Amino acid sequence: NGALQNGPQWIGGAQGGALQMDGVDDYAILGSISYGEGDFTAALWVKTDGWNDDAAMLSNKDWNSGSNVGWAIAGGAGNNGSWQWNISDGDSRVDFDPSVELAPITGGEWHHLCVTHDRDGMASFYHDGLRIGEADISGIVGTVDPDLPTVLGTGGAEGTTWEYWFTGAFDDVRIYDRALSYGEVAGLAGRTTPVYEAF
């Protein structure tokens, strides 16, 4: 259950209702979720025609810098048509920036994004239920809790340091305290046919 801020609107979603963020100051606070040094998965449906700069979609970090403690799923820099991910424990950081050809999210269509985090090994990235890449996060050994809430629609600092809010709609936002399997992610995205490696 999120605490809605500044009036995001309910619209028809990918599955039932969805939250439409205006890109001006709408967001939702999902609460203080502890990720610590453990595995976790973040997943959401998103529909957008574009955003400002690299506004965060789902994040617990001060997104003013990717080196700050925490993690983020955000729109690609400069509204590039794709998305990005970042994680840092304050000492080390890892980034993933898929191309718009591999992972487009603009055009006003619903897309499912998911990142699984195996803290002893790899983060795996999924777009519409297909795995599109991996990144070694075994070097992120410290906590990724920055004492900020997990927020939908902007960074964990709630726009106080990086004043960009995401323009678009969100649906079926999920956070798990484990790394989901490929099959589980495909199921969240509604895939019922065999999958293949896209990278």
N, C-alpha and C. Protein backbone atom coordinates (compact mmCIF):
# COMPACT_ATOMS: atom_id res chain seq x y z
N ASN A 1 0.85 -1.19 0.00
CA ASN A 1 0.00 0.00 0.00
C ASN A 1 0.88 1.24 0.00
N GLY A 2 0.73 2.09 -1.00
CA GLY A 2 1.54 3.29 -1.11
C GLY A 2 0.79 4.52 -0.62
N ALA A 3 1.53 5.51 -0.16
CA ALA A 3 0.97 6.80 0.21
C ALA A 3 1.10 7.73 -0.98
N LEU A 4 -0.03 8.07 -1.61
CA LEU A 4 -0.02 8.88 -2.83
C LEU A 4 0.29 10.33 -2.50
N GLN A 5 1.15 10.93 -3.32
CA GLN A 5 1.57 12.31 -3.10
C GLN A 5 1.20 13.19 -4.29
N ASN A 6 0.52 14.29 -4.03
CA ASN A 6 0.23 15.34 -5.02
C ASN A 6 -0.72 14.90 -6.13
N GLY A 7 -1.51 13.86 -5.88
CA GLY A 7 -2.65 13.57 -6.74
C GLY A 7 -2.44 12.78 -7.99
N PRO A 8 -1.64 11.70 -7.99
CA PRO A 8 -1.63 10.84 -9.18
C PRO A 8 -3.03 10.29 -9.44
N GLN A 9 -3.35 10.04 -10.70
CA GLN A 9 -4.71 9.65 -11.09
C GLN A 9 -4.80 8.15 -11.36
N TRP A 10 -5.93 7.57 -11.02
CA TRP A 10 -6.19 6.16 -11.35
C TRP A 10 -6.73 6.05 -12.76
N ILE A 11 -6.14 5.17 -13.55
CA ILE A 11 -6.59 4.93 -14.92
C ILE A 11 -6.64 3.42 -15.15
N GLY A 12 -7.14 3.01 -16.33
CA GLY A 12 -7.09 1.60 -16.69
C GLY A 12 -5.66 1.15 -16.89
N GLY A 13 -5.35 -0.04 -16.38
CA GLY A 13 -3.96 -0.48 -16.40
C GLY A 13 -3.73 -1.73 -17.22
N ALA A 14 -2.54 -2.27 -17.10
CA ALA A 14 -2.22 -3.53 -17.75
C ALA A 14 -3.01 -4.67 -17.12
N GLN A 15 -3.29 -4.54 -15.83
CA GLN A 15 -4.07 -5.51 -15.08
C GLN A 15 -4.94 -4.75 -14.09
N GLY A 16 -6.15 -4.38 -14.49
CA GLY A 16 -7.00 -3.60 -13.60
C GLY A 16 -6.64 -2.13 -13.64
N GLY A 17 -6.51 -1.50 -12.44
CA GLY A 17 -6.20 -0.08 -12.38
C GLY A 17 -4.71 0.18 -12.34
N ALA A 18 -4.34 1.40 -12.71
CA ALA A 18 -2.94 1.83 -12.71
C ALA A 18 -2.87 3.27 -12.22
N LEU A 19 -1.67 3.68 -11.78
CA LEU A 19 -1.44 5.04 -11.34
C LEU A 19 -0.77 5.84 -12.44
N GLN A 20 -1.39 6.97 -12.82
CA GLN A 20 -0.83 7.87 -13.81
C GLN A 20 -0.11 9.01 -13.10
N MET A 21 1.21 9.16 -13.37
CA MET A 21 2.01 10.23 -12.79
C MET A 21 2.17 11.35 -13.82
N ASP A 22 2.01 12.61 -13.38
CA ASP A 22 2.00 13.73 -14.33
C ASP A 22 3.37 14.25 -14.70
N GLY A 23 4.45 13.76 -14.06
CA GLY A 23 5.79 14.22 -14.38
C GLY A 23 6.12 15.57 -13.79
N VAL A 24 5.22 16.12 -13.00
CA VAL A 24 5.45 17.42 -12.37
C VAL A 24 5.82 17.24 -10.90
N ASP A 25 4.97 16.52 -10.17
CA ASP A 25 5.28 16.28 -8.75
C ASP A 25 4.55 15.07 -8.19
N ASP A 26 3.91 14.26 -9.03
CA ASP A 26 3.20 13.08 -8.55
C ASP A 26 4.16 11.95 -8.21
N TYR A 27 3.90 11.26 -7.11
CA TYR A 27 4.65 10.05 -6.78
C TYR A 27 3.92 9.31 -5.67
N ALA A 28 4.44 8.14 -5.32
CA ALA A 28 3.87 7.35 -4.23
C ALA A 28 4.99 6.82 -3.36
N ILE A 29 4.84 6.96 -2.05
CA ILE A 29 5.82 6.45 -1.10
C ILE A 29 5.40 5.03 -0.72
N LEU A 30 6.27 4.06 -0.98
CA LEU A 30 5.95 2.66 -0.70
C LEU A 30 6.43 2.23 0.68
N GLY A 31 7.12 3.10 1.40
CA GLY A 31 7.52 2.79 2.76
C GLY A 31 9.00 2.48 2.88
N SER A 32 9.41 2.22 4.11
CA SER A 32 10.82 1.92 4.40
C SER A 32 11.02 0.42 4.31
N ILE A 33 11.48 -0.03 3.16
CA ILE A 33 11.72 -1.44 2.91
C ILE A 33 13.20 -1.72 3.11
N SER A 34 13.51 -2.74 3.90
CA SER A 34 14.91 -3.08 4.17
C SER A 34 15.39 -4.11 3.15
N TYR A 35 16.44 -3.76 2.40
CA TYR A 35 17.06 -4.67 1.44
C TYR A 35 18.36 -5.22 2.00
N GLY A 36 19.05 -4.41 2.82
CA GLY A 36 20.27 -4.84 3.47
C GLY A 36 21.30 -5.37 2.50
N GLU A 37 21.76 -6.59 2.76
CA GLU A 37 22.74 -7.26 1.91
C GLU A 37 22.12 -8.50 1.26
N GLY A 38 20.78 -8.57 1.26
CA GLY A 38 20.10 -9.75 0.77
C GLY A 38 19.63 -9.67 -0.67
N ASP A 39 19.18 -10.81 -1.20
CA ASP A 39 18.63 -10.88 -2.55
C ASP A 39 17.27 -10.20 -2.59
N PHE A 40 16.93 -9.66 -3.75
CA PHE A 40 15.59 -9.10 -3.93
C PHE A 40 15.28 -8.97 -5.42
N THR A 41 14.01 -8.76 -5.71
CA THR A 41 13.53 -8.54 -7.08
C THR A 41 12.60 -7.35 -7.09
N ALA A 42 12.71 -6.52 -8.12
CA ALA A 42 11.80 -5.40 -8.32
C ALA A 42 11.18 -5.54 -9.71
N ALA A 43 9.85 -5.41 -9.79
CA ALA A 43 9.15 -5.58 -11.06
C ALA A 43 8.00 -4.59 -11.15
N LEU A 44 7.69 -4.15 -12.36
CA LEU A 44 6.58 -3.22 -12.57
C LEU A 44 6.20 -3.18 -14.04
N TRP A 45 4.96 -2.80 -14.28
CA TRP A 45 4.49 -2.45 -15.62
C TRP A 45 4.57 -0.94 -15.76
N VAL A 46 4.98 -0.45 -16.94
CA VAL A 46 5.06 0.98 -17.17
C VAL A 46 4.52 1.31 -18.56
N LYS A 47 3.86 2.46 -18.67
CA LYS A 47 3.40 2.98 -19.96
C LYS A 47 3.73 4.47 -20.01
N THR A 48 4.49 4.89 -21.04
CA THR A 48 4.92 6.28 -21.12
C THR A 48 5.14 6.70 -22.57
N ASP A 49 5.06 8.02 -22.77
CA ASP A 49 5.44 8.62 -24.06
C ASP A 49 6.75 9.38 -23.93
N GLY A 50 7.33 9.43 -22.73
CA GLY A 50 8.58 10.16 -22.51
C GLY A 50 8.61 10.77 -21.13
N TRP A 51 9.79 11.25 -20.72
CA TRP A 51 9.99 11.75 -19.37
C TRP A 51 11.07 12.82 -19.39
N ASN A 52 11.30 13.44 -18.25
CA ASN A 52 12.35 14.45 -18.12
C ASN A 52 13.65 13.82 -17.67
N ASP A 53 14.71 14.10 -18.42
CA ASP A 53 16.07 13.66 -18.09
C ASP A 53 16.10 12.17 -17.83
N ASP A 54 16.51 11.73 -16.62
CA ASP A 54 16.53 10.29 -16.31
C ASP A 54 15.73 10.04 -15.03
N ALA A 55 14.51 10.54 -15.01
CA ALA A 55 13.65 10.43 -13.83
C ALA A 55 13.50 8.97 -13.39
N ALA A 56 13.57 8.75 -12.08
CA ALA A 56 13.43 7.41 -11.52
C ALA A 56 11.98 6.93 -11.62
N MET A 57 11.83 5.66 -11.92
CA MET A 57 10.52 5.02 -11.87
C MET A 57 10.27 4.40 -10.51
N LEU A 58 11.24 3.61 -10.04
CA LEU A 58 11.13 2.91 -8.76
C LEU A 58 12.51 2.92 -8.13
N SER A 59 12.62 3.45 -6.91
CA SER A 59 13.96 3.64 -6.34
C SER A 59 13.88 3.85 -4.83
N ASN A 60 14.96 3.51 -4.15
CA ASN A 60 15.09 3.84 -2.73
C ASN A 60 16.26 4.77 -2.47
N LYS A 61 16.87 5.32 -3.53
CA LYS A 61 18.10 6.08 -3.34
C LYS A 61 17.93 7.56 -3.70
N ASP A 62 18.84 8.37 -3.20
CA ASP A 62 18.97 9.75 -3.64
C ASP A 62 19.55 9.69 -5.05
N TRP A 63 18.71 9.88 -6.04
CA TRP A 63 19.07 9.66 -7.44
C TRP A 63 19.86 10.82 -8.02
N ASN A 64 20.25 11.78 -7.18
CA ASN A 64 21.12 12.87 -7.62
C ASN A 64 22.47 12.35 -8.09
N SER A 65 22.86 11.14 -7.60
CA SER A 65 24.09 10.50 -8.05
C SER A 65 23.91 9.00 -8.00
N GLY A 66 24.37 8.32 -9.06
CA GLY A 66 24.33 6.87 -9.08
C GLY A 66 25.27 6.24 -8.08
N SER A 67 26.20 7.01 -7.52
CA SER A 67 27.12 6.49 -6.51
C SER A 67 26.54 6.53 -5.10
N ASN A 68 25.39 7.17 -4.93
CA ASN A 68 24.74 7.17 -3.63
C ASN A 68 24.22 5.78 -3.30
N VAL A 69 24.12 5.48 -2.02
CA VAL A 69 23.66 4.16 -1.59
C VAL A 69 22.21 3.93 -2.03
N GLY A 70 21.97 2.72 -2.55
CA GLY A 70 20.62 2.34 -2.93
C GLY A 70 20.56 1.83 -4.36
N TRP A 71 19.35 1.71 -4.89
CA TRP A 71 19.15 1.19 -6.23
C TRP A 71 18.04 1.98 -6.93
N ALA A 72 18.02 1.89 -8.24
CA ALA A 72 17.01 2.62 -9.01
C ALA A 72 16.74 1.92 -10.34
N ILE A 73 15.47 1.91 -10.72
CA ILE A 73 15.04 1.65 -12.10
C ILE A 73 14.52 2.98 -12.61
N ALA A 74 15.07 3.49 -13.70
CA ALA A 74 14.77 4.85 -14.14
C ALA A 74 14.63 4.90 -15.66
N GLY A 75 14.06 5.98 -16.13
CA GLY A 75 14.05 6.24 -17.55
C GLY A 75 15.46 6.51 -18.04
N GLY A 76 15.76 6.11 -19.25
CA GLY A 76 17.08 6.34 -19.81
C GLY A 76 17.44 7.81 -19.87
N ALA A 77 18.73 8.11 -19.75
CA ALA A 77 19.19 9.50 -19.72
C ALA A 77 18.75 10.25 -20.95
N GLY A 78 18.29 11.47 -20.73
CA GLY A 78 17.88 12.32 -21.84
C GLY A 78 16.65 11.83 -22.57
N ASN A 79 15.77 11.08 -21.85
CA ASN A 79 14.56 10.56 -22.49
C ASN A 79 14.92 9.80 -23.76
N ASN A 80 15.81 8.82 -23.63
CA ASN A 80 16.34 8.13 -24.81
C ASN A 80 15.46 6.99 -25.32
N GLY A 81 14.30 6.79 -24.71
CA GLY A 81 13.36 5.78 -25.20
C GLY A 81 13.50 4.43 -24.54
N SER A 82 14.54 4.23 -23.72
CA SER A 82 14.74 2.98 -23.02
C SER A 82 14.77 3.25 -21.52
N TRP A 83 15.23 2.27 -20.75
CA TRP A 83 15.29 2.42 -19.30
C TRP A 83 16.70 2.08 -18.81
N GLN A 84 16.93 2.31 -17.54
CA GLN A 84 18.23 2.03 -16.96
C GLN A 84 18.07 1.54 -15.53
N TRP A 85 19.17 0.96 -15.01
CA TRP A 85 19.20 0.45 -13.63
C TRP A 85 20.54 0.79 -13.02
N ASN A 86 20.54 0.95 -11.70
CA ASN A 86 21.78 1.28 -10.99
C ASN A 86 21.68 0.75 -9.57
N ILE A 87 22.81 0.32 -9.01
CA ILE A 87 22.87 -0.07 -7.61
C ILE A 87 24.23 0.36 -7.05
N SER A 88 24.26 0.72 -5.77
CA SER A 88 25.51 1.11 -5.12
C SER A 88 25.41 0.89 -3.63
N ASP A 89 26.53 0.47 -3.02
CA ASP A 89 26.61 0.40 -1.56
C ASP A 89 27.40 1.57 -1.00
N GLY A 90 27.69 2.56 -1.83
CA GLY A 90 28.45 3.74 -1.42
C GLY A 90 29.92 3.62 -1.74
N ASP A 91 30.42 2.38 -1.87
CA ASP A 91 31.82 2.16 -2.24
C ASP A 91 31.94 1.70 -3.69
N SER A 92 31.03 0.84 -4.12
CA SER A 92 31.03 0.32 -5.49
C SER A 92 29.65 0.54 -6.10
N ARG A 93 29.62 0.70 -7.42
CA ARG A 93 28.35 0.84 -8.13
C ARG A 93 28.38 0.01 -9.40
N VAL A 94 27.19 -0.39 -9.85
CA VAL A 94 27.04 -1.13 -11.10
C VAL A 94 25.85 -0.51 -11.83
N ASP A 95 25.98 -0.38 -13.16
CA ASP A 95 24.93 0.22 -13.98
C ASP A 95 24.56 -0.70 -15.13
N PHE A 96 23.34 -0.56 -15.61
CA PHE A 96 22.88 -1.28 -16.80
C PHE A 96 22.03 -0.32 -17.61
N ASP A 97 22.39 -0.15 -18.89
CA ASP A 97 21.71 0.80 -19.77
C ASP A 97 21.41 0.13 -21.11
N PRO A 98 20.30 -0.61 -21.22
CA PRO A 98 20.00 -1.27 -22.48
C PRO A 98 19.64 -0.27 -23.57
N SER A 99 19.88 -0.64 -24.81
CA SER A 99 19.57 0.23 -25.93
C SER A 99 18.06 0.27 -26.15
N VAL A 100 17.61 1.31 -26.84
CA VAL A 100 16.19 1.41 -27.15
C VAL A 100 15.77 0.30 -28.10
N GLU A 101 16.68 -0.20 -28.93
CA GLU A 101 16.35 -1.32 -29.82
C GLU A 101 16.08 -2.59 -29.02
N LEU A 102 16.81 -2.78 -27.92
CA LEU A 102 16.66 -3.97 -27.11
C LEU A 102 15.50 -3.85 -26.12
N ALA A 103 15.28 -2.65 -25.59
CA ALA A 103 14.32 -2.49 -24.51
C ALA A 103 13.57 -1.16 -24.61
N PRO A 104 12.71 -1.00 -25.62
CA PRO A 104 11.96 0.25 -25.76
C PRO A 104 10.83 0.34 -24.74
N ILE A 105 10.58 1.54 -24.23
CA ILE A 105 9.43 1.72 -23.34
C ILE A 105 8.53 2.89 -23.75
N THR A 106 8.92 3.71 -24.72
CA THR A 106 8.06 4.82 -25.13
C THR A 106 7.04 4.33 -26.16
N GLY A 107 6.12 5.23 -26.53
CA GLY A 107 5.10 4.88 -27.52
C GLY A 107 3.73 4.61 -26.93
N GLY A 108 3.59 4.81 -25.61
CA GLY A 108 2.28 4.68 -24.99
C GLY A 108 1.76 3.26 -24.88
N GLU A 109 2.65 2.26 -24.92
CA GLU A 109 2.27 0.87 -24.75
C GLU A 109 2.78 0.36 -23.40
N TRP A 110 2.08 -0.62 -22.84
CA TRP A 110 2.54 -1.21 -21.58
C TRP A 110 3.75 -2.10 -21.79
N HIS A 111 4.74 -1.96 -20.92
CA HIS A 111 5.93 -2.82 -20.93
C HIS A 111 6.22 -3.29 -19.51
N HIS A 112 6.66 -4.53 -19.40
CA HIS A 112 7.00 -5.08 -18.09
C HIS A 112 8.51 -5.07 -17.90
N LEU A 113 8.96 -4.48 -16.80
CA LEU A 113 10.38 -4.39 -16.45
C LEU A 113 10.61 -5.15 -15.16
N CYS A 114 11.71 -5.87 -15.10
CA CYS A 114 12.02 -6.62 -13.89
C CYS A 114 13.54 -6.74 -13.75
N VAL A 115 14.01 -6.60 -12.51
CA VAL A 115 15.42 -6.82 -12.19
C VAL A 115 15.49 -7.74 -10.98
N THR A 116 16.18 -8.87 -11.12
CA THR A 116 16.42 -9.77 -10.00
C THR A 116 17.85 -9.56 -9.51
N HIS A 117 18.01 -9.57 -8.20
CA HIS A 117 19.30 -9.27 -7.59
C HIS A 117 19.77 -10.47 -6.76
N ASP A 118 20.74 -11.21 -7.27
CA ASP A 118 21.43 -12.25 -6.51
C ASP A 118 22.70 -11.61 -5.98
N ARG A 119 22.70 -11.22 -4.72
CA ARG A 119 23.77 -10.37 -4.20
C ARG A 119 25.12 -11.06 -4.18
N ASP A 120 25.14 -12.39 -4.27
CA ASP A 120 26.42 -13.11 -4.34
C ASP A 120 26.87 -13.34 -5.77
N GLY A 121 26.04 -12.90 -6.73
CA GLY A 121 26.36 -13.19 -8.12
C GLY A 121 25.90 -12.11 -9.07
N MET A 122 24.78 -12.34 -9.75
CA MET A 122 24.38 -11.50 -10.87
C MET A 122 23.05 -10.80 -10.62
N ALA A 123 22.91 -9.61 -11.18
CA ALA A 123 21.61 -9.01 -11.40
C ALA A 123 21.18 -9.39 -12.81
N SER A 124 19.93 -9.79 -12.97
CA SER A 124 19.40 -10.17 -14.28
C SER A 124 18.29 -9.20 -14.66
N PHE A 125 18.28 -8.81 -15.94
CA PHE A 125 17.38 -7.76 -16.41
C PHE A 125 16.40 -8.34 -17.42
N TYR A 126 15.13 -8.04 -17.23
CA TYR A 126 14.07 -8.60 -18.07
C TYR A 126 13.21 -7.47 -18.63
N HIS A 127 12.87 -7.64 -19.91
CA HIS A 127 12.00 -6.68 -20.60
C HIS A 127 10.88 -7.47 -21.26
N ASP A 128 9.65 -7.20 -20.83
CA ASP A 128 8.48 -7.93 -21.35
C ASP A 128 8.67 -9.44 -21.21
N GLY A 129 9.26 -9.85 -20.10
CA GLY A 129 9.40 -11.26 -19.79
C GLY A 129 10.60 -11.96 -20.38
N LEU A 130 11.40 -11.26 -21.18
CA LEU A 130 12.60 -11.84 -21.78
C LEU A 130 13.84 -11.30 -21.08
N ARG A 131 14.79 -12.19 -20.77
CA ARG A 131 16.03 -11.74 -20.15
C ARG A 131 16.91 -11.08 -21.21
N ILE A 132 17.28 -9.82 -20.94
CA ILE A 132 18.02 -9.04 -21.93
C ILE A 132 19.46 -8.76 -21.50
N GLY A 133 19.85 -9.17 -20.30
CA GLY A 133 21.23 -8.92 -19.87
C GLY A 133 21.45 -9.31 -18.43
N GLU A 134 22.72 -9.29 -18.04
CA GLU A 134 23.13 -9.57 -16.68
C GLU A 134 24.28 -8.65 -16.30
N ALA A 135 24.47 -8.46 -15.00
CA ALA A 135 25.61 -7.69 -14.49
C ALA A 135 26.06 -8.30 -13.18
N ASP A 136 27.36 -8.38 -12.99
CA ASP A 136 27.94 -8.94 -11.77
C ASP A 136 27.80 -7.94 -10.63
N ILE A 137 27.06 -8.30 -9.59
CA ILE A 137 26.90 -7.42 -8.43
C ILE A 137 27.52 -8.02 -7.18
N SER A 138 28.37 -9.02 -7.34
CA SER A 138 28.99 -9.65 -6.17
C SER A 138 29.91 -8.69 -5.43
N GLY A 139 30.36 -7.63 -6.11
CA GLY A 139 31.21 -6.64 -5.46
C GLY A 139 30.44 -5.62 -4.64
N ILE A 140 29.10 -5.63 -4.74
CA ILE A 140 28.27 -4.75 -3.92
C ILE A 140 28.03 -5.49 -2.61
N VAL A 141 28.95 -5.34 -1.67
CA VAL A 141 28.93 -6.19 -0.47
C VAL A 141 28.26 -5.53 0.72
N GLY A 142 28.12 -4.21 0.68
CA GLY A 142 27.50 -3.52 1.81
C GLY A 142 26.00 -3.39 1.64
N THR A 143 25.38 -2.77 2.62
CA THR A 143 23.94 -2.56 2.56
C THR A 143 23.58 -1.61 1.42
N VAL A 144 22.39 -1.79 0.88
CA VAL A 144 21.87 -0.84 -0.11
C VAL A 144 20.67 -0.09 0.47
N ASP A 145 20.64 0.01 1.79
CA ASP A 145 19.61 0.78 2.49
C ASP A 145 20.15 2.17 2.84
N PRO A 146 19.63 3.23 2.22
CA PRO A 146 20.13 4.58 2.50
C PRO A 146 19.31 5.34 3.53
N ASP A 147 18.44 4.66 4.28
CA ASP A 147 17.54 5.33 5.23
C ASP A 147 16.59 6.28 4.51
N LEU A 148 16.16 5.89 3.32
CA LEU A 148 15.14 6.60 2.56
C LEU A 148 14.04 5.60 2.20
N PRO A 149 12.83 6.07 1.93
CA PRO A 149 11.77 5.15 1.54
C PRO A 149 11.97 4.66 0.11
N THR A 150 11.33 3.56 -0.21
CA THR A 150 11.21 3.15 -1.61
C THR A 150 10.06 3.93 -2.21
N VAL A 151 10.31 4.54 -3.38
CA VAL A 151 9.37 5.50 -3.96
C VAL A 151 9.07 5.11 -5.40
N LEU A 152 7.82 5.28 -5.80
CA LEU A 152 7.36 5.07 -7.17
C LEU A 152 7.13 6.43 -7.82
N GLY A 153 7.83 6.71 -8.92
CA GLY A 153 7.62 7.95 -9.66
C GLY A 153 8.73 8.97 -9.54
N THR A 154 9.65 8.77 -8.60
CA THR A 154 10.83 9.61 -8.47
C THR A 154 11.83 8.88 -7.56
N GLY A 155 12.94 9.52 -7.21
CA GLY A 155 13.94 8.88 -6.37
C GLY A 155 13.51 8.83 -4.91
N GLY A 156 14.30 8.10 -4.11
CA GLY A 156 13.98 7.94 -2.69
C GLY A 156 14.01 9.23 -1.91
N ALA A 157 14.72 10.25 -2.41
CA ALA A 157 14.77 11.55 -1.73
C ALA A 157 13.55 12.41 -2.06
N GLU A 158 12.60 11.84 -2.80
CA GLU A 158 11.30 12.47 -3.09
C GLU A 158 11.44 13.81 -3.81
N GLY A 159 12.41 13.90 -4.70
CA GLY A 159 12.55 15.09 -5.52
C GLY A 159 13.25 16.25 -4.86
N THR A 160 13.80 16.05 -3.66
CA THR A 160 14.42 17.18 -2.96
C THR A 160 15.81 17.49 -3.47
N THR A 161 16.50 16.52 -4.06
CA THR A 161 17.85 16.77 -4.57
C THR A 161 17.94 16.62 -6.08
N TRP A 162 17.10 15.77 -6.65
CA TRP A 162 17.06 15.56 -8.10
C TRP A 162 15.62 15.78 -8.52
N GLU A 163 15.30 16.98 -8.97
CA GLU A 163 13.92 17.40 -9.12
C GLU A 163 13.31 16.97 -10.44
N TYR A 164 13.26 15.64 -10.61
CA TYR A 164 12.62 15.07 -11.80
C TYR A 164 11.66 13.97 -11.35
N TRP A 165 10.45 14.05 -11.88
CA TRP A 165 9.43 13.04 -11.63
C TRP A 165 9.10 12.37 -12.95
N PHE A 166 8.79 11.09 -12.88
CA PHE A 166 8.53 10.32 -14.09
C PHE A 166 7.13 10.61 -14.63
N THR A 167 7.03 10.75 -15.95
CA THR A 167 5.76 10.95 -16.61
C THR A 167 5.29 9.62 -17.20
N GLY A 168 4.20 9.09 -16.68
CA GLY A 168 3.70 7.82 -17.20
C GLY A 168 2.86 7.10 -16.17
N ALA A 169 2.43 5.89 -16.52
CA ALA A 169 1.56 5.10 -15.66
C ALA A 169 2.29 3.86 -15.19
N PHE A 170 1.95 3.41 -13.98
CA PHE A 170 2.55 2.23 -13.37
C PHE A 170 1.46 1.26 -12.92
N ASP A 171 1.75 -0.02 -13.04
CA ASP A 171 0.80 -1.04 -12.62
C ASP A 171 1.55 -2.24 -12.04
N ASP A 172 0.89 -2.95 -11.15
CA ASP A 172 1.37 -4.23 -10.60
C ASP A 172 2.84 -4.14 -10.16
N VAL A 173 3.14 -3.15 -9.34
CA VAL A 173 4.50 -2.97 -8.82
C VAL A 173 4.73 -4.02 -7.74
N ARG A 174 5.83 -4.76 -7.86
CA ARG A 174 6.12 -5.84 -6.92
C ARG A 174 7.58 -5.79 -6.47
N ILE A 175 7.79 -6.05 -5.19
CA ILE A 175 9.14 -6.20 -4.64
C ILE A 175 9.16 -7.48 -3.82
N TYR A 176 10.09 -8.35 -4.14
CA TYR A 176 10.24 -9.63 -3.46
C TYR A 176 11.55 -9.65 -2.69
N ASP A 177 11.59 -10.43 -1.60
CA ASP A 177 12.83 -10.55 -0.83
C ASP A 177 13.65 -11.76 -1.27
N ARG A 178 13.62 -12.03 -2.57
CA ARG A 178 14.43 -13.09 -3.17
C ARG A 178 14.58 -12.79 -4.65
N ALA A 179 15.50 -13.48 -5.30
CA ALA A 179 15.68 -13.33 -6.74
C ALA A 179 14.75 -14.33 -7.44
N LEU A 180 13.79 -13.82 -8.19
CA LEU A 180 12.85 -14.70 -8.90
C LEU A 180 13.57 -15.46 -10.01
N SER A 181 13.00 -16.61 -10.38
CA SER A 181 13.53 -17.38 -11.51
C SER A 181 13.07 -16.77 -12.82
N TYR A 182 13.71 -17.19 -13.90
CA TYR A 182 13.32 -16.73 -15.25
C TYR A 182 11.85 -17.05 -15.50
N GLY A 183 11.43 -18.25 -15.15
CA GLY A 183 10.04 -18.63 -15.38
C GLY A 183 9.06 -17.79 -14.59
N GLU A 184 9.41 -17.45 -13.35
CA GLU A 184 8.54 -16.61 -12.54
C GLU A 184 8.41 -15.21 -13.13
N VAL A 185 9.52 -14.66 -13.63
CA VAL A 185 9.46 -13.33 -14.25
C VAL A 185 8.62 -13.38 -15.52
N ALA A 186 8.81 -14.42 -16.33
CA ALA A 186 8.00 -14.56 -17.54
C ALA A 186 6.52 -14.62 -17.20
N GLY A 187 6.19 -15.30 -16.10
CA GLY A 187 4.80 -15.37 -15.68
C GLY A 187 4.24 -14.02 -15.27
N LEU A 188 5.04 -13.22 -14.57
CA LEU A 188 4.59 -11.87 -14.20
C LEU A 188 4.28 -11.04 -15.43
N ALA A 189 5.07 -11.24 -16.48
CA ALA A 189 4.90 -10.47 -17.72
C ALA A 189 3.80 -11.05 -18.61
N GLY A 190 3.20 -12.16 -18.19
CA GLY A 190 2.10 -12.75 -18.95
C GLY A 190 2.53 -13.65 -20.08
N ARG A 191 3.78 -14.09 -20.08
CA ARG A 191 4.25 -14.96 -21.16
C ARG A 191 3.83 -16.40 -20.90
N THR A 192 3.32 -17.04 -21.92
CA THR A 192 2.91 -18.44 -21.81
C THR A 192 3.58 -19.31 -22.87
N THR A 193 4.46 -18.72 -23.67
CA THR A 193 5.18 -19.46 -24.71
C THR A 193 6.65 -19.57 -24.31
N PRO A 194 7.40 -20.47 -24.91
CA PRO A 194 8.82 -20.62 -24.57
C PRO A 194 9.59 -19.31 -24.75
N VAL A 195 10.58 -19.11 -23.89
CA VAL A 195 11.40 -17.91 -23.95
C VAL A 195 12.77 -18.26 -24.49
N TYR A 196 13.54 -17.25 -24.83
CA TYR A 196 14.89 -17.46 -25.36
C TYR A 196 15.77 -16.36 -24.81
N GLU A 197 17.05 -16.56 -24.88
CA GLU A 197 18.01 -15.56 -24.43
C GLU A 197 18.13 -14.47 -25.48
N ALA A 198 17.88 -13.22 -25.09
CA ALA A 198 17.92 -12.12 -26.04
C ALA A 198 19.27 -11.41 -26.07
N PHE A 199 20.20 -11.86 -25.24
CA PHE A 199 21.50 -11.18 -25.19
C PHE A 199 22.62 -12.16 -25.47
